[in-house]
Amino acid sequence: MRRDAPASKAAPARSNFHHCSFQEGCMTKNELIAAIADETGKTKADVSAILGSLAGVVAKTLKSGGDVTLGGIGKLAAAKREAREARNPSTGAMIKVPAKTVVKFKVTKDLADAVA
């Protein structure tokens, strides 16, 4: 929202500029489900349930301090990010960014080599 815009006007919804609909060759969740179903012979409903369960199990494991290794793909790990000062790009003012836990992903060498 512009700085000179009236305060009563609602801010626009956040833009998801990196969403698959804007990228050529990006696979959507439904396309991933269909591809896995075709490759495994499972139903799309089964694959969808498994992916939904996977997200929950990964979140629970990371929250408890564990790591998740996805064979042939990579490793997910929770890491603490320290508090820091950063510059607001709009105003140039220094702001304090609080500490938080973030998820880091490290791809396997085999997958990196396959893509290269």
C-alpha atoms as a PDB file:
ATOM      1  CA  MET A   1       0.000   0.000   0.000  1.00  0.00           C
ATOM      2  CA  ARG A   2       1.298   3.466  -0.814  1.00  0.00           C
ATOM      3  CA  ARG A   3       2.299   5.693   2.067  1.00  0.00           C
ATOM      4  CA  ASP A   4      -0.103   8.446   0.946  1.00  0.00           C
ATOM      5  CA  ALA A   5      -3.085   6.068   0.607  1.00  0.00           C
ATOM      6  CA  PRO A   6      -6.003   6.599   2.999  1.00  0.00           C
ATOM      7  CA  ALA A   7      -5.700   4.585   6.219  1.00  0.00           C
ATOM      8  CA  SER A   8      -9.213   3.163   5.821  1.00  0.00           C
ATOM      9  CA  LYS A   9      -8.337   1.389   2.585  1.00  0.00           C
ATOM     10  CA  ALA A  10      -7.492  -2.280   3.147  1.00  0.00           C
ATOM     11  CA  ALA A  11      -4.060  -3.458   2.129  1.00  0.00           C
ATOM     12  CA  PRO A  12      -4.042  -5.656  -0.978  1.00  0.00           C
ATOM     13  CA  ALA A  13      -3.572  -9.393  -0.551  1.00  0.00           C
ATOM     14  CA  ARG A  14       0.033 -10.545  -0.610  1.00  0.00           C
ATOM     15  CA  SER A  15       1.194 -11.493  -4.059  1.00  0.00           C
ATOM     16  CA  ASN A  16       2.681 -14.956  -4.435  1.00  0.00           C
ATOM     17  CA  PHE A  17       4.934 -13.933  -7.322  1.00  0.00           C
ATOM     18  CA  HIS A  18       6.840 -17.220  -7.413  1.00  0.00           C
ATOM     19  CA  HIS A  19       3.705 -19.339  -7.706  1.00  0.00           C
ATOM     20  CA  CYS A  20       3.730 -22.094 -10.320  1.00  0.00           C
ATOM     21  CA  SER A  21       1.172 -20.394 -12.546  1.00  0.00           C
ATOM     22  CA  PHE A  22       3.855 -17.846 -13.435  1.00  0.00           C
ATOM     23  CA  GLN A  23       6.674 -20.292 -14.077  1.00  0.00           C
ATOM     24  CA  GLU A  24       7.042 -22.547 -17.041  1.00  0.00           C
ATOM     25  CA  GLY A  25       7.807 -26.147 -16.133  1.00  0.00           C
ATOM     26  CA  CYS A  26       6.739 -25.818 -12.490  1.00  0.00           C
ATOM     27  CA  MET A  27       4.814 -28.841 -11.178  1.00  0.00           C
ATOM     28  CA  THR A  28       1.709 -28.156  -9.113  1.00  0.00           C
ATOM     29  CA  LYS A  29       0.601 -30.289  -6.176  1.00  0.00           C
ATOM     30  CA  ASN A  30      -2.162 -31.875  -8.291  1.00  0.00           C
ATOM     31  CA  GLU A  31       0.326 -32.684 -11.065  1.00  0.00           C
ATOM     32  CA  LEU A  32       2.696 -34.227  -8.498  1.00  0.00           C
ATOM     33  CA  ILE A  33      -0.142 -36.339  -7.081  1.00  0.00           C
ATOM     34  CA  ALA A  34      -1.118 -37.511 -10.575  1.00  0.00           C
ATOM     35  CA  ALA A  35       2.495 -38.349 -11.491  1.00  0.00           C
ATOM     36  CA  ILE A  36       3.058 -40.349  -8.295  1.00  0.00           C
ATOM     37  CA  ALA A  37      -0.280 -42.142  -8.753  1.00  0.00           C
ATOM     38  CA  ASP A  38       0.653 -43.078 -12.341  1.00  0.00           C
ATOM     39  CA  GLU A  39       4.107 -44.306 -11.306  1.00  0.00           C
ATOM     40  CA  THR A  40       2.980 -46.323  -8.273  1.00  0.00           C
ATOM     41  CA  GLY A  41      -0.442 -47.556  -9.392  1.00  0.00           C
ATOM     42  CA  LYS A  42      -2.043 -45.994  -6.297  1.00  0.00           C
ATOM     43  CA  THR A  43      -5.146 -43.849  -6.488  1.00  0.00           C
ATOM     44  CA  LYS A  44      -4.858 -40.076  -6.495  1.00  0.00           C
ATOM     45  CA  ALA A  45      -6.832 -40.036  -3.224  1.00  0.00           C
ATOM     46  CA  ASP A  46      -4.300 -42.372  -1.593  1.00  0.00           C
ATOM     47  CA  VAL A  47      -1.336 -40.307  -2.798  1.00  0.00           C
ATOM     48  CA  SER A  48      -3.005 -37.075  -1.678  1.00  0.00           C
ATOM     49  CA  ALA A  49      -3.600 -38.525   1.793  1.00  0.00           C
ATOM     50  CA  ILE A  50       0.015 -39.670   2.025  1.00  0.00           C
ATOM     51  CA  LEU A  51       1.366 -36.250   1.008  1.00  0.00           C
ATOM     52  CA  GLY A  52      -0.916 -34.567   3.522  1.00  0.00           C
ATOM     53  CA  SER A  53       0.289 -36.927   6.216  1.00  0.00           C
ATOM     54  CA  LEU A  54       3.907 -36.362   5.178  1.00  0.00           C
ATOM     55  CA  ALA A  55       3.564 -32.615   5.738  1.00  0.00           C
ATOM     56  CA  GLY A  56       2.167 -33.170   9.224  1.00  0.00           C
ATOM     57  CA  VAL A  57       4.794 -35.712  10.226  1.00  0.00           C
ATOM     58  CA  VAL A  58       7.623 -33.504   8.939  1.00  0.00           C
ATOM     59  CA  ALA A  59       6.302 -30.457  10.833  1.00  0.00           C
ATOM     60  CA  LYS A  60       5.919 -32.464  14.047  1.00  0.00           C
ATOM     61  CA  THR A  61       9.424 -33.937  13.738  1.00  0.00           C
ATOM     62  CA  LEU A  62      11.074 -30.578  13.015  1.00  0.00           C
ATOM     63  CA  LYS A  63       9.192 -28.902  15.859  1.00  0.00           C
ATOM     64  CA  SER A  64      10.471 -31.544  18.285  1.00  0.00           C
ATOM     65  CA  GLY A  65      14.060 -30.854  17.194  1.00  0.00           C
ATOM     66  CA  GLY A  66      14.571 -33.756  14.801  1.00  0.00           C
ATOM     67  CA  ASP A  67      15.690 -33.803  11.181  1.00  0.00           C
ATOM     68  CA  VAL A  68      13.916 -35.471   8.269  1.00  0.00           C
ATOM     69  CA  THR A  69      15.882 -37.191   5.524  1.00  0.00           C
ATOM     70  CA  LEU A  70      14.032 -37.866   2.283  1.00  0.00           C
ATOM     71  CA  GLY A  71      16.088 -40.539   0.526  1.00  0.00           C
ATOM     72  CA  GLY A  72      17.393 -39.418  -2.833  1.00  0.00           C
ATOM     73  CA  ILE A  73      15.963 -35.910  -2.365  1.00  0.00           C
ATOM     74  CA  GLY A  74      17.459 -34.152   0.631  1.00  0.00           C
ATOM     75  CA  LYS A  75      17.360 -33.350   4.323  1.00  0.00           C
ATOM     76  CA  LEU A  76      15.064 -30.956   6.190  1.00  0.00           C
ATOM     77  CA  ALA A  77      16.297 -29.478   9.465  1.00  0.00           C
ATOM     78  CA  ALA A  78      15.119 -26.765  11.846  1.00  0.00           C
ATOM     79  CA  ALA A  79      17.676 -24.072  12.604  1.00  0.00           C
ATOM     80  CA  LYS A  80      17.597 -21.096  14.939  1.00  0.00           C
ATOM     81  CA  ARG A  81      18.124 -17.703  13.317  1.00  0.00           C
ATOM     82  CA  GLU A  82      19.536 -15.083  15.697  1.00  0.00           C
ATOM     83  CA  ALA A  83      17.929 -11.681  16.174  1.00  0.00           C
ATOM     84  CA  ARG A  84      19.487  -9.021  13.983  1.00  0.00           C
ATOM     85  CA  GLU A  85      19.122  -5.491  12.705  1.00  0.00           C
ATOM     86  CA  ALA A  86      18.107  -4.914   9.108  1.00  0.00           C
ATOM     87  CA  ARG A  87      17.266  -1.952   6.924  1.00  0.00           C
ATOM     88  CA  ASN A  88      13.683  -1.340   5.806  1.00  0.00           C
ATOM     89  CA  PRO A  89      14.038  -1.015   2.010  1.00  0.00           C
ATOM     90  CA  SER A  90      11.077   1.382   1.774  1.00  0.00           C
ATOM     91  CA  THR A  91      12.142   3.897   4.402  1.00  0.00           C
ATOM     92  CA  GLY A  92      15.815   3.136   4.942  1.00  0.00           C
ATOM     93  CA  ALA A  93      15.195   2.951   8.693  1.00  0.00           C
ATOM     94  CA  MET A  94      16.948   0.315  10.778  1.00  0.00           C
ATOM     95  CA  ILE A  95      14.563  -2.260  12.285  1.00  0.00           C
ATOM     96  CA  LYS A  96      15.037  -5.099  14.757  1.00  0.00           C
ATOM     97  CA  VAL A  97      14.254  -8.547  13.358  1.00  0.00           C
ATOM     98  CA  PRO A  98      13.469 -10.996  16.174  1.00  0.00           C
ATOM     99  CA  ALA A  99      15.067 -14.416  16.504  1.00  0.00           C
ATOM    100  CA  LYS A 100      13.091 -17.282  15.013  1.00  0.00           C
ATOM    101  CA  THR A 101      13.306 -20.899  13.959  1.00  0.00           C
ATOM    102  CA  VAL A 102      13.493 -21.556  10.214  1.00  0.00           C
ATOM    103  CA  VAL A 103      13.475 -24.700   8.090  1.00  0.00           C
ATOM    104  CA  LYS A 104      16.579 -25.409   6.031  1.00  0.00           C
ATOM    105  CA  PHE A 105      16.796 -27.877   3.159  1.00  0.00           C
ATOM    106  CA  LYS A 106      19.964 -29.506   1.852  1.00  0.00           C
ATOM    107  CA  VAL A 107      19.666 -31.394  -1.415  1.00  0.00           C
ATOM    108  CA  THR A 108      21.441 -34.755  -1.864  1.00  0.00           C
ATOM    109  CA  LYS A 109      24.476 -34.947  -4.090  1.00  0.00           C
ATOM    110  CA  ASP A 110      22.761 -37.538  -6.311  1.00  0.00           C
ATOM    111  CA  LEU A 111      19.799 -35.244  -7.015  1.00  0.00           C
ATOM    112  CA  ALA A 112      22.054 -32.226  -7.564  1.00  0.00           C
ATOM    113  CA  ASP A 113      24.115 -34.244 -10.048  1.00  0.00           C
ATOM    114  CA  ALA A 114      20.989 -35.528 -11.809  1.00  0.00           C
ATOM    115  CA  VAL A 115      19.688 -31.989 -12.321  1.00  0.00           C
ATOM    116  CA  ALA A 116      23.028 -30.480 -13.383  1.00  0.00           C
END
